[in-house]
Protein backbone atom coordinates (compact mmCIF):
# COMPACT_ATOMS: atom_id res chain seq x y z
CA LYS A 1 147.25 110.34 148.26
CA MET A 2 145.03 111.82 150.97
CA LYS A 3 144.85 108.47 152.77
CA GLU A 4 148.63 108.16 152.67
CA LYS A 5 149.03 111.68 154.07
CA THR A 6 146.61 110.99 156.92
CA SER A 7 148.32 107.78 158.00
CA LYS A 8 151.66 109.64 157.96
CA LEU A 9 150.22 112.20 160.37
CA PHE A 10 150.04 109.58 163.13
CA ASN A 11 153.15 107.66 162.12
CA LEU A 12 155.50 106.99 165.06
CA LYS A 13 157.58 104.27 163.40
CA ASN A 14 161.11 104.07 164.87
CA LYS A 15 160.49 107.10 167.09
CA ILE A 16 162.49 106.94 170.32
CA ILE A 17 159.99 107.60 173.10
CA ILE A 18 160.91 107.71 176.78
CA VAL A 19 158.07 106.65 179.08
CA THR A 20 158.67 107.35 182.78
CA GLY A 21 156.74 105.02 185.05
CA GLY A 22 156.66 102.98 181.85
CA ALA A 23 156.02 99.68 183.65
CA GLY A 24 153.23 101.10 185.84
CA PHE A 25 149.48 100.75 185.44
CA LEU A 26 149.06 103.40 182.71
CA GLY A 27 152.70 103.53 181.61
CA SER A 28 152.68 99.86 180.61
CA GLN A 29 149.61 100.53 178.43
CA PHE A 30 151.45 103.36 176.68
CA SER A 31 154.70 101.38 176.31
CA SER A 32 152.97 98.33 174.84
CA MET A 33 150.79 100.36 172.46
CA LEU A 34 153.77 102.42 171.24
CA SER A 35 155.70 99.26 170.52
CA ASP A 36 152.71 97.83 168.62
CA ILE A 37 152.67 100.81 166.24
CA GLY A 38 156.40 100.64 165.54
CA ALA A 39 157.85 103.15 168.00
CA ILE A 40 160.68 102.16 170.35
CA PRO A 41 159.61 102.81 173.94
CA ILE A 42 162.37 103.43 176.46
CA ILE A 43 160.80 102.34 179.71
CA LEU A 44 162.06 103.99 182.91
CA ASP A 45 160.70 102.68 186.19
CA ILE A 46 161.72 102.38 189.83
CA ASN A 47 159.77 99.16 190.39
CA GLU A 48 161.91 96.14 189.48
CA GLU A 49 159.01 93.70 189.79
CA SER A 50 156.83 95.73 187.36
CA ILE A 51 159.72 95.99 184.89
CA ASN A 52 160.24 92.20 184.93
CA VAL A 53 156.52 91.52 184.43
CA LEU A 54 156.35 93.91 181.45
CA LYS A 55 159.62 92.58 179.99
CA LYS A 56 158.15 89.05 179.93
CA LYS A 57 155.04 90.35 178.14
CA PHE A 58 157.21 92.16 175.58
CA ILE A 59 159.31 89.03 174.92
CA LYS A 60 156.19 86.88 174.58
CA LYS A 61 154.64 89.29 172.05
CA LYS A 62 157.99 89.90 170.29
CA GLN A 63 157.66 93.63 171.04
CA LYS A 64 160.55 96.09 170.95
CA GLY A 65 161.33 98.04 174.09
CA ILE A 66 164.29 98.99 176.28
CA PHE A 67 164.04 98.86 180.05
CA TYR A 68 165.92 100.84 182.70
CA LEU A 69 165.55 100.59 186.46
CA VAL A 70 165.92 104.19 187.64
CA ASP A 71 165.02 106.47 190.53
CA LEU A 72 163.57 109.59 188.88
CA ASP A 73 164.29 111.68 191.98
CA ASP A 74 168.01 111.05 191.55
CA GLU A 75 169.40 113.64 189.13
CA ARG A 76 172.67 111.78 188.49
CA GLU A 77 170.89 108.49 187.81
CA VAL A 78 168.44 110.16 185.40
CA ASN A 79 171.26 111.93 183.52
CA SER A 80 173.27 108.76 183.10
CA VAL A 81 170.28 106.82 181.71
CA VAL A 82 169.38 109.67 179.32
CA ASN A 83 173.01 109.75 178.14
CA LEU A 84 172.89 105.99 177.51
CA VAL A 85 169.74 106.44 175.41
CA ILE A 86 171.39 109.21 173.35
CA LYS A 87 174.55 107.15 172.89
CA LYS A 88 172.55 104.22 171.59
CA HIS A 89 169.84 105.96 169.53
CA ARG A 90 171.34 109.40 168.85
CA LYS A 91 167.99 111.10 169.62
CA ILE A 92 164.88 111.28 171.80
CA ASP A 93 161.74 112.13 169.84
CA CYS A 94 159.25 112.20 172.64
CA LEU A 95 159.09 112.15 176.44
CA ILE A 96 156.00 110.90 178.26
CA ASN A 97 156.07 111.76 181.96
CA ALA A 98 153.72 109.08 183.28
CA ALA A 99 155.45 108.32 186.59
CA GLY A 100 153.54 109.39 189.66
CA PHE A 101 153.11 108.63 193.31
CA THR A 102 149.72 106.97 193.01
CA GLY A 103 147.03 106.07 195.49
CA GLN A 104 148.03 102.41 195.15
CA ASN A 105 151.57 103.24 196.32
CA MET A 106 150.18 105.30 199.15
CA LEU A 107 147.86 102.52 200.32
CA LYS A 108 150.75 100.08 200.43
CA THR A 109 153.14 102.37 202.27
CA ASN A 110 151.23 104.55 204.67
CA SER A 111 147.52 105.13 205.29
CA ASP A 112 148.41 108.56 206.73
CA TYR A 113 148.50 109.75 203.12
CA PHE A 114 144.72 109.91 203.38
CA GLU A 115 144.67 111.96 206.57
CA LYS A 116 142.56 115.14 206.67
CA PHE A 117 144.33 118.36 205.70
CA GLU A 118 144.16 119.66 209.28
CA LYS A 119 146.32 116.75 210.45
CA TYR A 120 148.37 116.23 207.29
CA ASP A 121 152.01 115.27 207.84
CA PHE A 122 154.48 117.69 206.24
CA GLU A 123 156.93 114.88 205.30
CA LEU A 124 154.19 113.03 203.42
CA TRP A 125 153.17 116.25 201.67
CA LYS A 126 156.78 116.67 200.49
CA LYS A 127 157.08 113.03 199.44
CA SER A 128 153.93 113.21 197.36
CA LEU A 129 154.95 116.48 195.69
CA ASN A 130 158.34 114.96 194.92
CA GLY A 131 156.90 111.80 193.41
CA ASN A 132 154.29 113.57 191.31
CA LEU A 133 155.92 116.87 190.36
CA SER A 134 159.66 117.12 191.07
CA SER A 135 160.44 113.92 189.15
CA ILE A 136 158.93 115.52 186.02
CA PHE A 137 161.16 118.55 186.53
CA ASN A 138 164.18 116.24 186.80
CA VAL A 139 163.56 114.07 183.73
CA THR A 140 162.37 116.92 181.49
CA LYS A 141 165.45 118.99 182.31
CA SER A 142 167.70 116.06 181.42
CA VAL A 143 165.93 115.13 178.17
CA VAL A 144 165.25 118.60 176.80
CA ASN A 145 168.92 119.52 176.32
CA HIS A 146 169.13 116.79 173.67
CA MET A 147 165.85 117.86 172.06
CA LEU A 148 167.06 121.47 171.90
CA LYS A 149 170.11 120.39 169.88
CA ARG A 150 167.78 118.89 167.25
CA LYS A 151 165.20 121.71 167.57
CA LYS A 152 162.58 118.99 167.72
CA GLY A 153 160.58 117.09 170.29
CA SER A 154 157.26 116.49 171.98
CA ILE A 155 156.82 116.29 175.76
CA ILE A 156 153.63 114.90 177.29
CA ASN A 157 152.90 115.19 181.01
CA ILE A 158 150.22 113.10 182.70
CA ALA A 159 148.17 115.35 184.97
CA SER A 160 144.64 114.62 186.25
CA ASP A 161 141.09 115.90 186.23
CA VAL A 162 141.63 116.78 189.93
CA GLY A 163 144.30 119.23 188.79
CA VAL A 164 141.48 121.09 187.02
CA ILE A 165 138.60 120.65 189.47
CA SER A 166 138.53 119.77 193.14
CA PRO A 167 138.07 116.10 193.95
CA ASP A 168 134.47 115.44 194.97
CA HIS A 169 135.07 114.46 198.58
CA ARG A 170 131.60 112.90 198.83
CA ILE A 171 132.57 109.88 196.71
CA TYR A 172 134.85 108.67 199.51
CA GLU A 173 132.35 109.19 202.34
CA ALA A 174 129.77 106.69 203.60
CA ASN A 175 126.26 107.28 202.35
CA LYS A 176 123.35 105.31 203.89
CA LYS A 177 120.99 106.32 201.10
CA PHE A 178 123.07 104.32 198.62
CA ASN A 179 124.01 101.62 201.15
CA TYR A 180 127.60 102.78 200.63
CA LYS A 181 130.23 102.23 203.31
CA GLY A 182 132.77 104.75 201.96
CA THR A 183 136.45 104.04 201.18
CA SER A 184 139.72 103.81 203.11
CA PHE A 185 141.33 106.22 200.63
CA ASN A 186 140.71 109.68 199.16
CA THR A 187 142.50 112.17 196.94
CA PRO A 188 145.11 113.77 199.22
CA ILE A 189 145.76 117.50 198.88
CA ALA A 190 149.36 117.00 197.73
CA TYR A 191 148.14 114.91 194.78
CA SER A 192 145.68 117.57 193.57
CA VAL A 193 148.23 120.35 194.04
CA ALA A 194 150.95 118.39 192.21
CA LYS A 195 148.64 117.67 189.26
CA ALA A 196 147.64 121.35 189.03
CA GLY A 197 151.37 122.11 189.14
CA ILE A 198 151.98 119.77 186.21
CA ILE A 199 149.39 121.66 184.13
CA SER A 200 151.06 124.95 185.07
CA MET A 201 154.54 123.59 184.28
CA THR A 202 153.25 122.39 180.90
CA ARG A 203 152.06 125.88 179.96
CA TYR A 204 155.23 127.52 181.23
CA LEU A 205 157.55 125.21 179.27
CA ALA A 206 155.35 125.34 176.15
CA THR A 207 155.87 129.10 175.88
CA HIS A 208 159.50 128.85 177.00
CA TRP A 209 160.44 126.48 174.14
CA ALA A 210 157.82 127.53 171.58
CA LYS A 211 160.40 128.94 169.16
CA LYS A 212 162.80 126.03 169.68
CA GLY A 213 160.65 123.36 168.00
CA ILE A 214 159.64 121.66 171.24
CA ARG A 215 155.97 121.15 172.05
CA VAL A 216 154.79 120.51 175.61
CA ASN A 217 151.28 119.28 176.37
CA CYS A 218 149.52 117.35 179.09
CA ILE A 219 146.71 114.83 179.45
CA SER A 220 144.26 114.97 182.35
CA PRO A 221 142.41 111.69 182.78
CA ALA A 222 139.46 111.06 185.07
CA GLY A 223 139.50 107.93 187.23
CA VAL A 224 140.77 104.89 185.33
CA TYR A 225 139.14 101.61 186.32
CA LYS A 226 141.42 99.23 188.20
CA LYS A 227 139.25 96.66 189.98
CA HIS A 228 137.82 99.32 192.29
CA ASP A 229 135.03 98.51 194.72
CA ARG A 230 131.70 98.29 192.86
CA LYS A 231 130.00 100.84 195.13
CA PHE A 232 132.87 103.33 194.70
CA VAL A 233 132.66 102.95 190.90
CA GLU A 234 128.91 103.63 191.16
CA GLN A 235 129.51 106.84 193.14
CA LEU A 236 132.15 108.13 190.73
CA SER A 237 130.28 107.10 187.57
CA GLN A 238 127.24 109.16 188.65
CA ARG A 239 129.46 112.23 188.40
CA ILE A 240 130.67 111.48 184.86
CA PRO A 241 128.34 112.32 181.94
CA LEU A 242 129.41 109.17 180.04
CA GLY A 243 128.39 107.23 183.14
CA ARG A 244 131.54 105.18 183.74
CA MET A 245 135.23 105.29 184.62
CA ALA A 246 137.88 105.27 181.87
CA LYS A 247 139.33 102.01 180.59
CA PRO A 248 143.16 101.93 180.66
CA HIS A 249 143.50 101.80 176.85
CA GLU A 250 141.31 104.88 176.38
CA LEU A 251 144.25 107.26 176.87
CA ASN A 252 146.27 105.67 174.06
CA GLY A 253 144.69 107.78 171.32
CA ALA A 254 145.57 110.99 173.14
CA ILE A 255 149.18 109.79 173.53
CA VAL A 256 149.56 108.98 169.81
CA TYR A 257 147.98 112.30 168.84
CA LEU A 258 150.26 114.41 171.05
CA CYS A 259 153.41 112.45 170.15
CA SER A 260 152.83 112.61 166.43
CA ASN A 261 152.70 115.24 163.69
CA ALA A 262 148.91 115.13 163.93
CA SER A 263 149.31 117.70 166.73
CA SER A 264 152.10 119.75 165.13
CA PHE A 265 150.33 123.05 165.95
CA VAL A 266 149.31 122.07 169.48
CA THR A 267 151.35 123.20 172.45
CA GLY A 268 150.60 124.19 176.06
CA HIS A 269 147.34 122.26 175.85
CA ASN A 270 145.72 120.23 178.61
CA LEU A 271 143.83 117.44 176.85
CA ILE A 272 141.13 116.36 179.29
CA VAL A 273 140.07 112.72 178.85
CA ASP A 274 137.40 112.45 181.50
CA GLY A 275 134.10 111.30 180.01
CA GLY A 276 132.86 114.86 180.55
CA ARG A 277 133.43 114.93 184.33
CA THR A 278 134.95 118.43 184.46
CA ILE A 279 132.13 120.03 182.46
CA TRP A 280 129.43 119.15 184.99
């Protein structure tokens, strides 16, 4: 009996779970894992190429998932997709806000994203805040009205360890002692500020909807390994008690926990998955 009860705690079978940025680096991990455990991920992404790549993987593995190409900054577009989901499934059990304007995007589009604060371009500041923070506002506002009708729902926002602590600027700078040339990127101020904003928004909404049956939590990961330069990994790993960066699948457990009844008394929490980085 006890065993049965415990497995039910984490059961997400047939749960309708929206994953924004669901075809991205972390989002695709979440989407695929959720499908594997019987949930139905609704994957929202602005990148058509990423959606097609993930779709092929889903078809190959016979996984369930529904894909929508959508601009999360466009309120009308978001509302119409959310309405389609409700029409088809009659509910949304969980929302995972995983979309973000990442360093990879920045590198591709404009190296000025990594400019020093003193010279930082106001338009890029706004663009980064929009991509990392305003899109969460948009999607959450659209989804929550349907959750409120059912008095039920879990919302998970993806923040970052640099929303809790300052980025360690030294890991991007050249260091002769370690024969380290430094990097062409850093953590821009708008990224840190947006991630801190996500943590604050999480707490605000958790208390706002506490009596309405809706839980709101966030996850703050440390750097997740994605074929980074070996010397950069070395620099960052020295600042993490577990001595390494996170592997992409290592956030999956936190997602299942916060989506499921296992966390039924947890709201407004920032679950830090950082190998101990923020405690040093």
